[in-house]
């Protein structure tokens, strides 16, 4: 689903409807990115890294809010997709056939390719040549962590940063658990 929060960017996010009765299965593929991968030592370098990818995805998608997509086979072969196979994209408002390798850093592309091939050894069909990669999902984890003490409070008295946005979770369940931990810390303060 479209998840952009700024103009001239594309951010995708996988979503499963309650009934889990959509056309396709959904799977996020994540690559670990660390501060050494950023272009500067700025505390906001991770945000700049994200935004650059989101802006490149916007342009690759056609600068019209369509997401760039690529068939898995074409991604692995590093060639632009020119057709949609048996798996039909569901991203709205629309998609543009692309080569995601053109916008992803090489270490991201190569790691994704290795991951797709590895998962296929564990889940036959994961690397289906017609599977669709929709780019880019850059908001899986916060690129900034708000520091907190062992009592879970920040350097601002009474402020308890928690969950994904504060850099303490990597998904809905871990964000929920962190929220409960912070709520208990507030009650105990």
N, C-alpha and C. Protein backbone atom coordinates (compact mmCIF):
# COMPACT_ATOMS: atom_id res chain seq x y z
N UNK A 1 0.82 -1.18 0.00
CA UNK A 1 0.00 0.00 0.00
C UNK A 1 0.87 1.24 0.00
N UNK A 2 0.34 2.32 -0.55
CA UNK A 2 1.06 3.58 -0.59
C UNK A 2 1.16 4.16 0.83
N UNK A 3 2.36 4.57 1.22
CA UNK A 3 2.59 5.06 2.59
C UNK A 3 3.45 6.32 2.62
N UNK A 4 3.53 7.04 1.52
CA UNK A 4 4.35 8.25 1.49
C UNK A 4 3.76 9.31 2.41
N UNK A 5 4.65 10.05 3.05
CA UNK A 5 4.21 11.13 3.93
C UNK A 5 4.74 12.49 3.47
N UNK A 6 5.47 12.51 2.36
CA UNK A 6 6.01 13.75 1.81
C UNK A 6 5.81 13.75 0.30
N UNK A 7 5.73 14.96 -0.26
CA UNK A 7 5.59 15.07 -1.71
C UNK A 7 6.84 14.52 -2.40
N UNK A 8 6.63 14.03 -3.61
CA UNK A 8 7.71 13.57 -4.48
C UNK A 8 8.52 12.43 -3.89
N UNK A 9 7.86 11.58 -3.13
CA UNK A 9 8.48 10.37 -2.59
C UNK A 9 7.54 9.19 -2.78
N UNK A 10 8.11 8.01 -2.84
CA UNK A 10 7.33 6.77 -2.84
C UNK A 10 7.80 5.95 -1.65
N UNK A 11 6.86 5.56 -0.83
CA UNK A 11 7.11 4.64 0.28
C UNK A 11 6.02 3.57 0.19
N UNK A 12 6.41 2.33 0.12
CA UNK A 12 5.43 1.24 0.11
C UNK A 12 5.47 0.55 1.46
N UNK A 13 4.37 -0.09 1.79
CA UNK A 13 4.30 -0.86 3.03
C UNK A 13 3.36 -2.02 2.79
N UNK A 14 3.84 -3.21 3.12
CA UNK A 14 3.00 -4.38 2.99
C UNK A 14 1.88 -4.35 4.02
N UNK A 15 0.76 -4.91 3.67
CA UNK A 15 -0.38 -4.92 4.57
C UNK A 15 -1.19 -6.17 4.29
N UNK A 16 -1.70 -6.74 5.34
CA UNK A 16 -2.60 -7.88 5.18
C UNK A 16 -3.97 -7.47 5.67
N UNK A 17 -4.96 -7.63 4.82
CA UNK A 17 -6.33 -7.35 5.25
C UNK A 17 -6.75 -8.38 6.29
N UNK A 18 -7.71 -8.01 7.11
CA UNK A 18 -8.17 -8.86 8.21
C UNK A 18 -8.49 -10.28 7.74
N UNK A 19 -9.17 -10.41 6.61
CA UNK A 19 -9.57 -11.73 6.13
C UNK A 19 -8.44 -12.50 5.46
N UNK A 20 -7.33 -11.81 5.20
CA UNK A 20 -6.19 -12.43 4.52
C UNK A 20 -6.63 -13.09 3.21
N UNK A 21 -7.51 -12.39 2.48
CA UNK A 21 -8.07 -12.95 1.26
C UNK A 21 -7.68 -12.15 0.02
N UNK A 22 -6.53 -11.48 0.08
CA UNK A 22 -6.07 -10.71 -1.07
C UNK A 22 -5.58 -11.60 -2.19
N UNK A 23 -5.28 -10.98 -3.33
CA UNK A 23 -4.79 -11.71 -4.51
C UNK A 23 -3.44 -12.36 -4.26
N UNK A 24 -2.57 -11.68 -3.50
CA UNK A 24 -1.19 -12.11 -3.35
C UNK A 24 -0.82 -12.27 -1.88
N UNK A 25 0.24 -13.02 -1.66
CA UNK A 25 0.85 -13.06 -0.33
C UNK A 25 1.71 -11.81 -0.20
N UNK A 26 2.02 -11.42 1.00
CA UNK A 26 2.82 -10.23 1.25
C UNK A 26 4.03 -10.62 2.07
N UNK A 27 5.17 -10.13 1.66
CA UNK A 27 6.39 -10.42 2.40
C UNK A 27 7.33 -9.24 2.27
N UNK A 28 7.80 -8.73 3.38
CA UNK A 28 8.79 -7.66 3.35
C UNK A 28 10.18 -8.29 3.38
N UNK A 29 11.06 -7.74 2.58
CA UNK A 29 12.46 -8.17 2.58
C UNK A 29 13.27 -6.98 3.08
N UNK A 30 13.95 -7.16 4.19
CA UNK A 30 14.68 -6.07 4.81
C UNK A 30 16.18 -6.30 4.73
N UNK A 31 16.91 -5.22 4.57
CA UNK A 31 18.37 -5.26 4.57
C UNK A 31 18.84 -4.39 5.72
N UNK A 32 19.74 -4.91 6.52
CA UNK A 32 20.30 -4.15 7.63
C UNK A 32 21.16 -3.01 7.10
N UNK A 33 20.87 -1.81 7.56
CA UNK A 33 21.63 -0.63 7.18
C UNK A 33 22.15 -0.02 8.48
N UNK A 34 23.43 0.31 8.49
CA UNK A 34 24.05 0.86 9.70
C UNK A 34 24.62 2.25 9.41
N UNK A 35 24.98 3.01 10.42
CA UNK A 35 25.55 4.34 10.20
C UNK A 35 26.75 4.37 9.26
N UNK A 36 27.52 3.29 9.18
CA UNK A 36 28.67 3.29 8.27
C UNK A 36 28.23 3.33 6.81
N UNK A 37 26.95 3.04 6.53
CA UNK A 37 26.42 3.08 5.18
C UNK A 37 25.97 4.48 4.76
N UNK A 38 25.94 5.41 5.69
CA UNK A 38 25.45 6.75 5.40
C UNK A 38 26.57 7.62 4.86
N UNK A 39 26.17 8.72 4.23
CA UNK A 39 27.14 9.62 3.60
C UNK A 39 27.73 10.64 4.56
N UNK A 40 27.23 10.70 5.79
CA UNK A 40 27.76 11.67 6.75
C UNK A 40 27.63 11.12 8.16
N UNK A 41 28.16 11.85 9.11
CA UNK A 41 28.05 11.49 10.52
C UNK A 41 26.91 12.23 11.20
N UNK A 42 26.10 12.93 10.44
CA UNK A 42 24.98 13.68 11.00
C UNK A 42 24.06 12.74 11.78
N UNK A 43 23.52 13.20 12.91
CA UNK A 43 22.56 12.37 13.64
C UNK A 43 21.32 12.04 12.80
N UNK A 44 21.09 12.81 11.74
CA UNK A 44 19.93 12.59 10.88
C UNK A 44 20.30 11.91 9.56
N UNK A 45 21.52 11.39 9.47
CA UNK A 45 21.99 10.76 8.22
C UNK A 45 21.09 9.61 7.79
N UNK A 46 20.53 8.87 8.73
CA UNK A 46 19.63 7.77 8.39
C UNK A 46 18.35 8.27 7.73
N UNK A 47 17.86 9.40 8.20
CA UNK A 47 16.66 9.99 7.58
C UNK A 47 16.98 10.45 6.16
N UNK A 48 18.16 11.07 5.99
CA UNK A 48 18.56 11.51 4.65
C UNK A 48 18.71 10.31 3.71
N UNK A 49 19.26 9.21 4.22
CA UNK A 49 19.41 7.98 3.43
C UNK A 49 18.04 7.50 2.96
N UNK A 50 17.08 7.43 3.89
CA UNK A 50 15.71 7.01 3.56
C UNK A 50 15.11 7.91 2.50
N UNK A 51 15.19 9.21 2.75
CA UNK A 51 14.53 10.17 1.86
C UNK A 51 15.12 10.11 0.45
N UNK A 52 16.42 9.93 0.35
CA UNK A 52 17.04 9.82 -0.97
C UNK A 52 16.47 8.63 -1.74
N UNK A 53 16.33 7.48 -1.08
CA UNK A 53 15.75 6.31 -1.73
C UNK A 53 14.30 6.56 -2.12
N UNK A 54 13.54 7.21 -1.25
CA UNK A 54 12.13 7.49 -1.53
C UNK A 54 11.97 8.44 -2.71
N UNK A 55 12.86 9.43 -2.81
CA UNK A 55 12.83 10.37 -3.95
C UNK A 55 13.22 9.67 -5.24
N UNK A 56 14.21 8.80 -5.18
CA UNK A 56 14.62 8.04 -6.37
C UNK A 56 13.50 7.10 -6.82
N UNK A 57 12.79 6.50 -5.87
CA UNK A 57 11.66 5.62 -6.22
C UNK A 57 10.55 6.41 -6.89
N UNK A 58 10.32 7.63 -6.43
CA UNK A 58 9.30 8.49 -7.05
C UNK A 58 9.64 8.75 -8.52
N UNK A 59 10.89 9.09 -8.79
CA UNK A 59 11.32 9.37 -10.16
C UNK A 59 11.26 8.09 -11.00
N UNK A 60 11.78 6.97 -10.46
CA UNK A 60 11.78 5.71 -11.20
C UNK A 60 10.35 5.26 -11.51
N UNK A 61 9.43 5.56 -10.61
CA UNK A 61 8.03 5.19 -10.82
C UNK A 61 7.32 6.07 -11.84
N UNK A 62 7.96 7.15 -12.27
CA UNK A 62 7.37 8.01 -13.28
C UNK A 62 6.99 9.39 -12.78
N UNK A 63 7.38 9.72 -11.55
CA UNK A 63 7.08 11.03 -10.94
C UNK A 63 5.58 11.32 -10.91
N UNK A 64 4.78 10.27 -10.75
CA UNK A 64 3.33 10.42 -10.75
C UNK A 64 2.65 9.63 -9.63
N UNK A 65 3.42 9.31 -8.61
CA UNK A 65 2.94 8.54 -7.44
C UNK A 65 2.74 7.05 -7.72
N UNK A 66 3.15 6.58 -8.90
CA UNK A 66 3.16 5.15 -9.15
C UNK A 66 4.43 4.57 -8.54
N UNK A 67 4.33 3.37 -8.02
CA UNK A 67 5.50 2.71 -7.43
C UNK A 67 6.27 1.95 -8.51
N UNK A 68 7.60 2.00 -8.44
CA UNK A 68 8.39 1.17 -9.36
C UNK A 68 8.30 -0.29 -8.92
N UNK A 69 8.08 -1.17 -9.88
CA UNK A 69 8.02 -2.60 -9.58
C UNK A 69 8.95 -3.36 -10.52
N UNK A 70 9.28 -4.58 -10.08
CA UNK A 70 10.13 -5.42 -10.91
C UNK A 70 9.85 -6.88 -10.59
N UNK A 71 9.84 -7.70 -11.62
CA UNK A 71 9.73 -9.14 -11.41
C UNK A 71 11.00 -9.63 -10.74
N UNK A 72 10.89 -10.64 -9.88
CA UNK A 72 12.03 -11.18 -9.16
C UNK A 72 13.11 -11.66 -10.13
N UNK A 73 12.73 -12.39 -11.16
CA UNK A 73 13.72 -12.89 -12.13
C UNK A 73 14.52 -11.73 -12.73
N UNK A 74 13.83 -10.66 -13.10
CA UNK A 74 14.51 -9.51 -13.71
C UNK A 74 15.40 -8.80 -12.69
N UNK A 75 14.94 -8.72 -11.45
CA UNK A 75 15.75 -8.09 -10.40
C UNK A 75 17.07 -8.84 -10.23
N UNK A 76 16.97 -10.16 -10.15
CA UNK A 76 18.18 -10.98 -9.97
C UNK A 76 19.11 -10.85 -11.17
N UNK A 77 18.55 -10.73 -12.38
CA UNK A 77 19.36 -10.58 -13.59
C UNK A 77 19.75 -9.13 -13.87
N UNK A 78 19.30 -8.21 -13.04
CA UNK A 78 19.61 -6.78 -13.17
C UNK A 78 19.17 -6.23 -14.53
N UNK A 79 17.91 -6.53 -14.87
CA UNK A 79 17.37 -5.96 -16.11
C UNK A 79 15.96 -5.43 -15.84
N UNK A 80 15.62 -4.37 -16.52
CA UNK A 80 14.32 -3.74 -16.36
C UNK A 80 13.22 -4.73 -16.74
N UNK A 81 12.18 -4.78 -15.92
CA UNK A 81 11.03 -5.61 -16.27
C UNK A 81 10.27 -4.95 -17.41
N UNK A 82 9.84 -5.76 -18.36
CA UNK A 82 9.10 -5.25 -19.51
C UNK A 82 7.70 -5.86 -19.60
N UNK A 83 7.40 -6.77 -18.67
CA UNK A 83 6.08 -7.40 -18.67
C UNK A 83 5.74 -7.84 -17.24
N UNK A 84 4.48 -8.01 -17.01
CA UNK A 84 3.99 -8.57 -15.75
C UNK A 84 3.61 -10.00 -16.05
N UNK A 85 4.06 -10.91 -15.20
CA UNK A 85 3.76 -12.33 -15.40
C UNK A 85 2.50 -12.75 -14.67
N UNK A 86 2.57 -13.91 -14.04
CA UNK A 86 1.40 -14.51 -13.40
C UNK A 86 0.99 -13.80 -12.11
N UNK A 87 1.91 -13.07 -11.47
CA UNK A 87 1.59 -12.34 -10.24
C UNK A 87 1.26 -10.90 -10.62
N UNK A 88 0.05 -10.48 -10.30
CA UNK A 88 -0.42 -9.14 -10.65
C UNK A 88 -0.20 -8.18 -9.48
N UNK A 89 0.39 -7.02 -9.74
CA UNK A 89 0.62 -6.05 -8.66
C UNK A 89 -0.71 -5.48 -8.15
N UNK A 90 -0.71 -5.10 -6.88
CA UNK A 90 -1.93 -4.55 -6.26
C UNK A 90 -1.72 -3.14 -5.73
N UNK A 91 -0.54 -2.57 -5.90
CA UNK A 91 -0.23 -1.24 -5.38
C UNK A 91 -1.09 -0.19 -6.07
N UNK A 92 -1.73 0.63 -5.26
CA UNK A 92 -2.51 1.75 -5.79
C UNK A 92 -1.84 3.05 -5.38
N UNK A 93 -1.73 4.03 -6.25
CA UNK A 93 -2.58 4.24 -7.42
C UNK A 93 -2.14 3.51 -8.68
N UNK A 94 -0.94 3.00 -8.76
CA UNK A 94 -0.50 2.26 -9.94
C UNK A 94 0.98 1.94 -9.85
N UNK A 95 1.49 1.30 -10.88
CA UNK A 95 2.88 0.85 -10.89
C UNK A 95 3.54 1.15 -12.23
N UNK A 96 4.87 1.17 -12.20
CA UNK A 96 5.68 1.36 -13.40
C UNK A 96 6.73 0.25 -13.44
N UNK A 97 6.79 -0.46 -14.55
CA UNK A 97 7.82 -1.49 -14.71
C UNK A 97 9.19 -0.82 -14.71
N UNK A 98 10.12 -1.36 -13.92
CA UNK A 98 11.38 -0.69 -13.65
C UNK A 98 12.50 -1.68 -13.43
N UNK A 99 13.67 -1.14 -13.11
CA UNK A 99 14.80 -1.91 -12.61
C UNK A 99 15.18 -1.30 -11.27
N UNK A 100 14.77 -1.93 -10.19
CA UNK A 100 15.04 -1.40 -8.85
C UNK A 100 16.52 -1.32 -8.54
N UNK A 101 17.32 -2.13 -9.24
CA UNK A 101 18.78 -2.05 -9.05
C UNK A 101 19.32 -0.67 -9.38
N UNK A 102 18.59 0.08 -10.22
CA UNK A 102 19.04 1.41 -10.62
C UNK A 102 19.02 2.41 -9.47
N UNK A 103 18.21 2.17 -8.45
CA UNK A 103 18.12 3.14 -7.35
C UNK A 103 18.64 2.62 -6.02
N UNK A 104 18.74 1.31 -5.88
CA UNK A 104 19.20 0.75 -4.61
C UNK A 104 20.72 0.72 -4.56
N UNK A 105 21.30 1.03 -3.40
CA UNK A 105 22.75 0.85 -3.26
C UNK A 105 23.11 -0.61 -3.55
N UNK A 106 24.29 -0.83 -4.09
CA UNK A 106 24.71 -2.18 -4.48
C UNK A 106 24.62 -3.17 -3.32
N UNK A 107 25.01 -2.74 -2.12
CA UNK A 107 24.96 -3.69 -0.99
C UNK A 107 23.53 -4.07 -0.65
N UNK A 108 22.58 -3.19 -0.91
CA UNK A 108 21.17 -3.52 -0.67
C UNK A 108 20.69 -4.51 -1.73
N UNK A 109 20.96 -4.22 -3.00
CA UNK A 109 20.55 -5.12 -4.08
C UNK A 109 21.14 -6.52 -3.92
N UNK A 110 22.43 -6.60 -3.66
CA UNK A 110 23.07 -7.91 -3.56
C UNK A 110 22.55 -8.69 -2.35
N UNK A 111 22.31 -8.00 -1.25
CA UNK A 111 21.76 -8.68 -0.06
C UNK A 111 20.35 -9.18 -0.32
N UNK A 112 19.54 -8.37 -0.98
CA UNK A 112 18.18 -8.80 -1.32
C UNK A 112 18.21 -10.03 -2.22
N UNK A 113 19.07 -10.03 -3.21
CA UNK A 113 19.18 -11.17 -4.13
C UNK A 113 19.57 -12.44 -3.38
N UNK A 114 20.56 -12.31 -2.49
CA UNK A 114 20.97 -13.47 -1.68
C UNK A 114 19.81 -13.95 -0.81
N UNK A 115 19.09 -13.02 -0.20
CA UNK A 115 17.96 -13.37 0.66
C UNK A 115 16.85 -14.07 -0.10
N UNK A 116 16.52 -13.57 -1.27
CA UNK A 116 15.47 -14.20 -2.08
C UNK A 116 15.86 -15.63 -2.41
N UNK A 117 17.07 -15.83 -2.84
CA UNK A 117 17.53 -17.18 -3.19
C UNK A 117 17.57 -18.10 -1.97
N UNK A 118 18.02 -17.57 -0.83
CA UNK A 118 18.07 -18.36 0.39
C UNK A 118 16.66 -18.77 0.84
N UNK A 119 15.74 -17.81 0.88
CA UNK A 119 14.36 -18.12 1.31
C UNK A 119 13.73 -19.16 0.39
N UNK A 120 14.10 -19.15 -0.88
CA UNK A 120 13.55 -20.13 -1.81
C UNK A 120 13.99 -21.54 -1.45
N UNK A 121 15.16 -21.70 -0.79
CA UNK A 121 15.59 -23.04 -0.36
C UNK A 121 14.78 -23.51 0.85
N UNK A 122 14.16 -22.58 1.56
CA UNK A 122 13.37 -22.92 2.75
C UNK A 122 11.87 -22.96 2.44
N UNK A 123 11.46 -22.14 1.47
CA UNK A 123 10.05 -22.03 1.10
C UNK A 123 9.99 -22.07 -0.42
N UNK A 124 9.82 -23.29 -0.95
CA UNK A 124 9.85 -23.49 -2.39
C UNK A 124 8.84 -22.56 -3.08
N UNK A 125 9.32 -21.83 -4.07
CA UNK A 125 8.47 -20.90 -4.80
C UNK A 125 8.64 -19.46 -4.37
N UNK A 126 9.40 -19.24 -3.30
CA UNK A 126 9.60 -17.86 -2.83
C UNK A 126 10.24 -17.01 -3.93
N UNK A 127 11.13 -17.60 -4.70
CA UNK A 127 11.82 -16.88 -5.77
C UNK A 127 11.11 -17.07 -7.12
N UNK A 128 9.80 -17.23 -7.08
CA UNK A 128 9.03 -17.35 -8.31
C UNK A 128 9.44 -16.21 -9.25
N UNK A 129 9.84 -16.53 -10.47
CA UNK A 129 10.31 -15.48 -11.38
C UNK A 129 9.31 -14.34 -11.58
N UNK A 130 8.01 -14.64 -11.46
CA UNK A 130 6.98 -13.63 -11.66
C UNK A 130 6.59 -12.87 -10.40
N UNK A 131 7.16 -13.24 -9.25
CA UNK A 131 6.86 -12.47 -8.04
C UNK A 131 7.24 -11.02 -8.26
N UNK A 132 6.52 -10.13 -7.62
CA UNK A 132 6.70 -8.69 -7.83
C UNK A 132 7.39 -8.06 -6.62
N UNK A 133 8.45 -7.30 -6.89
CA UNK A 133 9.08 -6.46 -5.88
C UNK A 133 8.55 -5.05 -6.09
N UNK A 134 8.03 -4.45 -5.04
CA UNK A 134 7.50 -3.08 -5.10
C UNK A 134 8.39 -2.19 -4.25
N UNK A 135 8.89 -1.12 -4.85
CA UNK A 135 9.85 -0.30 -4.11
C UNK A 135 9.31 1.09 -3.82
N UNK A 136 9.76 1.63 -2.73
CA UNK A 136 10.67 1.07 -1.72
C UNK A 136 9.98 1.10 -0.37
N UNK A 137 10.28 0.12 0.47
CA UNK A 137 9.77 0.12 1.84
C UNK A 137 10.92 0.54 2.74
N UNK A 138 10.91 1.80 3.13
CA UNK A 138 12.02 2.37 3.90
C UNK A 138 11.65 2.66 5.34
N UNK A 139 10.45 2.35 5.74
CA UNK A 139 9.99 2.76 7.07
C UNK A 139 9.78 1.58 8.01
N UNK A 140 10.57 0.54 7.84
CA UNK A 140 10.39 -0.63 8.71
C UNK A 140 10.88 -0.37 10.13
N UNK A 141 11.89 0.42 10.27
CA UNK A 141 12.44 0.79 11.58
C UNK A 141 12.89 2.23 11.53
N UNK A 142 12.86 2.87 12.66
CA UNK A 142 13.27 4.27 12.73
C UNK A 142 14.76 4.41 12.47
N UNK A 143 15.15 5.40 11.67
CA UNK A 143 16.58 5.63 11.43
C UNK A 143 17.23 6.44 12.55
N UNK A 144 16.45 6.79 13.55
CA UNK A 144 16.94 7.58 14.68
C UNK A 144 16.46 6.91 15.96
N UNK A 145 17.30 6.87 16.96
CA UNK A 145 16.90 6.30 18.25
C UNK A 145 16.95 7.42 19.28
N UNK A 146 15.83 7.61 19.98
CA UNK A 146 15.79 8.59 21.07
C UNK A 146 16.29 7.88 22.32
N UNK A 147 17.39 8.33 22.84
CA UNK A 147 17.99 7.65 23.99
C UNK A 147 17.11 7.75 25.22
N UNK A 148 17.12 6.70 26.01
CA UNK A 148 16.37 6.67 27.27
C UNK A 148 17.19 5.94 28.32
N UNK A 149 16.87 6.19 29.56
CA UNK A 149 17.58 5.58 30.68
C UNK A 149 17.07 4.16 30.93
N UNK A 150 17.68 3.51 31.91
CA UNK A 150 17.22 2.16 32.29
C UNK A 150 15.79 2.19 32.83
N UNK A 151 15.31 3.37 33.23
CA UNK A 151 13.91 3.52 33.68
C UNK A 151 13.01 3.93 32.53
N UNK A 152 13.54 3.89 31.30
CA UNK A 152 12.85 4.12 30.04
C UNK A 152 12.44 5.57 29.80
N UNK A 153 12.95 6.49 30.59
CA UNK A 153 12.66 7.92 30.40
C UNK A 153 13.80 8.56 29.60
N UNK A 154 13.46 9.58 28.82
CA UNK A 154 14.48 10.29 28.04
C UNK A 154 15.16 11.34 28.92
N UNK A 155 15.99 12.15 28.31
CA UNK A 155 16.64 13.22 29.06
C UNK A 155 15.66 14.35 29.38
N UNK A 156 14.46 14.25 28.86
CA UNK A 156 13.40 15.21 29.19
C UNK A 156 12.48 14.52 30.19
N UNK A 157 12.45 15.02 31.39
CA UNK A 157 11.67 14.40 32.46
C UNK A 157 10.22 14.18 32.04
N UNK A 158 9.74 12.97 32.23
CA UNK A 158 8.36 12.62 31.92
C UNK A 158 8.12 12.18 30.48
N UNK A 159 9.15 12.17 29.66
CA UNK A 159 9.01 11.74 28.27
C UNK A 159 9.57 10.33 28.13
N UNK A 160 8.72 9.40 27.75
CA UNK A 160 9.08 7.99 27.62
C UNK A 160 9.01 7.59 26.15
N UNK A 161 10.10 7.73 25.40
CA UNK A 161 10.07 7.34 23.99
C UNK A 161 9.90 5.83 23.87
N UNK A 162 8.99 5.42 22.98
CA UNK A 162 8.79 3.98 22.83
C UNK A 162 8.34 3.63 21.43
N UNK A 163 8.46 2.36 21.12
CA UNK A 163 7.98 1.83 19.86
C UNK A 163 8.90 2.09 18.69
N UNK A 164 8.36 1.87 17.51
CA UNK A 164 9.14 1.96 16.28
C UNK A 164 9.67 3.37 16.02
N UNK A 165 8.84 4.37 16.17
CA UNK A 165 9.24 5.74 15.87
C UNK A 165 10.40 6.23 16.71
N UNK A 166 10.51 5.71 17.92
CA UNK A 166 11.59 6.12 18.82
C UNK A 166 12.82 5.23 18.68
N UNK A 167 12.71 4.19 17.86
CA UNK A 167 13.86 3.32 17.61
C UNK A 167 13.95 2.12 18.53
N UNK A 168 12.83 1.73 19.15
CA UNK A 168 12.87 0.61 20.11
C UNK A 168 12.02 -0.58 19.69
N UNK A 169 11.70 -0.69 18.42
CA UNK A 169 10.92 -1.83 17.97
C UNK A 169 11.12 -2.01 16.48
N UNK A 170 10.78 -3.18 15.99
CA UNK A 170 10.92 -3.46 14.58
C UNK A 170 9.66 -4.05 13.98
N UNK A 171 8.54 -3.81 14.60
CA UNK A 171 7.28 -4.33 14.10
C UNK A 171 6.16 -4.06 15.07
N UNK A 172 4.97 -4.41 14.69
CA UNK A 172 3.78 -4.12 15.50
C UNK A 172 3.85 -4.80 16.86
N UNK A 173 4.23 -6.06 16.89
CA UNK A 173 4.24 -6.78 18.17
C UNK A 173 5.32 -6.24 19.11
N UNK A 174 6.53 -6.03 18.61
CA UNK A 174 7.58 -5.53 19.49
C UNK A 174 7.28 -4.10 19.92
N UNK A 175 6.62 -3.31 19.07
CA UNK A 175 6.22 -1.95 19.47
C UNK A 175 5.17 -2.01 20.58
N UNK A 176 4.26 -2.97 20.48
CA UNK A 176 3.23 -3.14 21.52
C UNK A 176 3.86 -3.52 22.86
N UNK A 177 4.79 -4.45 22.81
CA UNK A 177 5.47 -4.87 24.04
C UNK A 177 6.24 -3.70 24.65
N UNK A 178 6.93 -2.93 23.79
CA UNK A 178 7.68 -1.78 24.30
C UNK A 178 6.73 -0.74 24.90
N UNK A 179 5.56 -0.55 24.29
CA UNK A 179 4.57 0.36 24.83
C UNK A 179 4.09 -0.07 26.21
N UNK A 180 3.89 -1.36 26.39
CA UNK A 180 3.48 -1.88 27.70
C UNK A 180 4.58 -1.65 28.73
N UNK A 181 5.84 -1.91 28.33
CA UNK A 181 6.95 -1.68 29.24
C UNK A 181 7.02 -0.22 29.66
N UNK A 182 6.81 0.69 28.71
CA UNK A 182 6.85 2.13 29.05
C UNK A 182 5.66 2.51 29.92
N UNK A 183 4.50 1.95 29.65
CA UNK A 183 3.33 2.25 30.49
C UNK A 183 3.58 1.82 31.94
N UNK A 184 4.17 0.66 32.10
CA UNK A 184 4.51 0.18 33.45
C UNK A 184 5.52 1.11 34.10
N UNK A 185 6.52 1.58 33.32
CA UNK A 185 7.53 2.50 33.86
C UNK A 185 6.87 3.80 34.29
N UNK A 186 5.90 4.29 33.54
CA UNK A 186 5.20 5.52 33.91
C UNK A 186 4.44 5.29 35.22
N UNK A 187 3.76 4.17 35.35
CA UNK A 187 3.00 3.86 36.56
C UNK A 187 3.90 3.74 37.79
N UNK A 188 5.11 3.24 37.57
CA UNK A 188 6.04 3.05 38.68
C UNK A 188 6.82 4.31 39.03
N UNK A 189 6.73 5.34 38.20
CA UNK A 189 7.52 6.56 38.47
C UNK A 189 6.87 7.46 39.51
